[in-house]
Amino acid sequence: MPARDSFHSVMRIGPVQIGTHRDRTGRTAVCTADRCGWSADYSSRIAAQLAARTHRCTVR
């Protein structure tokens, strides 16, 4: 059985995806580029969007 998706309101900015936790405790931004591994939690969607817009992958 597949694991239940724990995010909703997912949006993409470049290679970064932003989603809201199901328990509404905050937002998470995650880079989906291969071998990047960057992710961070934020208290607001605006902060997560700013981080996504300014994120630069170090892996090429």
C-alpha atoms as a PDB file:
ATOM      1  CA  MET A   1       0.000   0.000   0.000  1.00  0.00           C
ATOM      2  CA  PRO A   2       1.497   3.405  -0.930  1.00  0.00           C
ATOM      3  CA  ALA A   3       2.190   5.946   1.808  1.00  0.00           C
ATOM      4  CA  ARG A   4      -0.359   8.709   2.174  1.00  0.00           C
ATOM      5  CA  ASP A   5       0.750  12.042   0.751  1.00  0.00           C
ATOM      6  CA  SER A   6       1.289  14.339   3.731  1.00  0.00           C
ATOM      7  CA  PHE A   7       1.138  17.638   1.798  1.00  0.00           C
ATOM      8  CA  HIS A   8      -1.519  19.651   0.039  1.00  0.00           C
ATOM      9  CA  SER A   9      -1.503  22.936  -1.896  1.00  0.00           C
ATOM     10  CA  VAL A  10       1.691  21.884  -3.650  1.00  0.00           C
ATOM     11  CA  MET A  11       3.206  24.393  -6.072  1.00  0.00           C
ATOM     12  CA  ARG A  12       6.417  24.441  -8.108  1.00  0.00           C
ATOM     13  CA  ILE A  13       8.881  27.301  -8.571  1.00  0.00           C
ATOM     14  CA  GLY A  14      11.709  26.137 -10.828  1.00  0.00           C
ATOM     15  CA  PRO A  15      13.069  22.874  -9.418  1.00  0.00           C
ATOM     16  CA  VAL A  16      11.643  23.647  -5.935  1.00  0.00           C
ATOM     17  CA  GLN A  17       8.283  22.339  -4.734  1.00  0.00           C
ATOM     18  CA  ILE A  18       6.404  23.972  -1.845  1.00  0.00           C
ATOM     19  CA  GLY A  19       3.707  22.148   0.094  1.00  0.00           C
ATOM     20  CA  THR A  20       1.597  22.705   3.204  1.00  0.00           C
ATOM     21  CA  HIS A  21       1.710  20.031   5.921  1.00  0.00           C
ATOM     22  CA  ARG A  22      -1.596  18.229   6.461  1.00  0.00           C
ATOM     23  CA  ASP A  23      -1.520  19.199  10.153  1.00  0.00           C
ATOM     24  CA  ARG A  24      -1.192  22.881   9.079  1.00  0.00           C
ATOM     25  CA  THR A  25       1.898  23.488  11.198  1.00  0.00           C
ATOM     26  CA  GLY A  26       3.887  25.065   8.391  1.00  0.00           C
ATOM     27  CA  ARG A  27       5.217  24.877   4.863  1.00  0.00           C
ATOM     28  CA  THR A  28       8.095  22.887   3.437  1.00  0.00           C
ATOM     29  CA  ALA A  29      10.196  23.801   0.410  1.00  0.00           C
ATOM     30  CA  VAL A  30      12.130  20.956  -1.259  1.00  0.00           C
ATOM     31  CA  CYS A  31      14.425  21.027  -4.287  1.00  0.00           C
ATOM     32  CA  THR A  32      13.633  18.155  -6.664  1.00  0.00           C
ATOM     33  CA  ALA A  33      16.870  18.405  -8.683  1.00  0.00           C
ATOM     34  CA  ASP A  34      18.990  15.242  -8.736  1.00  0.00           C
ATOM     35  CA  ARG A  35      21.605  15.115  -5.956  1.00  0.00           C
ATOM     36  CA  CYS A  36      20.679  18.550  -4.520  1.00  0.00           C
ATOM     37  CA  GLY A  37      19.086  17.477  -1.237  1.00  0.00           C
ATOM     38  CA  TRP A  38      18.015  20.980  -0.144  1.00  0.00           C
ATOM     39  CA  SER A  39      14.879  21.319   1.973  1.00  0.00           C
ATOM     40  CA  ALA A  40      13.634  23.672   4.686  1.00  0.00           C
ATOM     41  CA  ASP A  41      10.554  24.328   6.824  1.00  0.00           C
ATOM     42  CA  TYR A  42       8.929  27.770   7.027  1.00  0.00           C
ATOM     43  CA  SER A  43       6.096  29.236   9.068  1.00  0.00           C
ATOM     44  CA  SER A  44       4.464  31.021   6.110  1.00  0.00           C
ATOM     45  CA  ARG A  45       3.905  30.388   2.413  1.00  0.00           C
ATOM     46  CA  ILE A  46       5.497  33.739   1.521  1.00  0.00           C
ATOM     47  CA  ALA A  47       8.758  32.789   3.262  1.00  0.00           C
ATOM     48  CA  ALA A  48       8.803  29.418   1.478  1.00  0.00           C
ATOM     49  CA  GLN A  49       8.172  31.102  -1.889  1.00  0.00           C
ATOM     50  CA  LEU A  50      10.999  33.577  -1.311  1.00  0.00           C
ATOM     51  CA  ALA A  51      13.390  30.751  -0.431  1.00  0.00           C
ATOM     52  CA  ALA A  52      12.300  28.815  -3.538  1.00  0.00           C
ATOM     53  CA  ARG A  53      12.855  31.818  -5.793  1.00  0.00           C
ATOM     54  CA  THR A  54      16.346  32.485  -4.418  1.00  0.00           C
ATOM     55  CA  HIS A  55      17.499  28.836  -4.166  1.00  0.00           C
ATOM     56  CA  ARG A  56      20.457  27.941  -6.369  1.00  0.00           C
ATOM     57  CA  CYS A  57      21.509  24.311  -6.697  1.00  0.00           C
ATOM     58  CA  THR A  58      25.199  23.711  -6.157  1.00  0.00           C
ATOM     59  CA  VAL A  59      25.033  20.418  -8.100  1.00  0.00           C
ATOM     60  CA  ARG A  60      25.180  20.610 -11.869  1.00  0.00           C
END
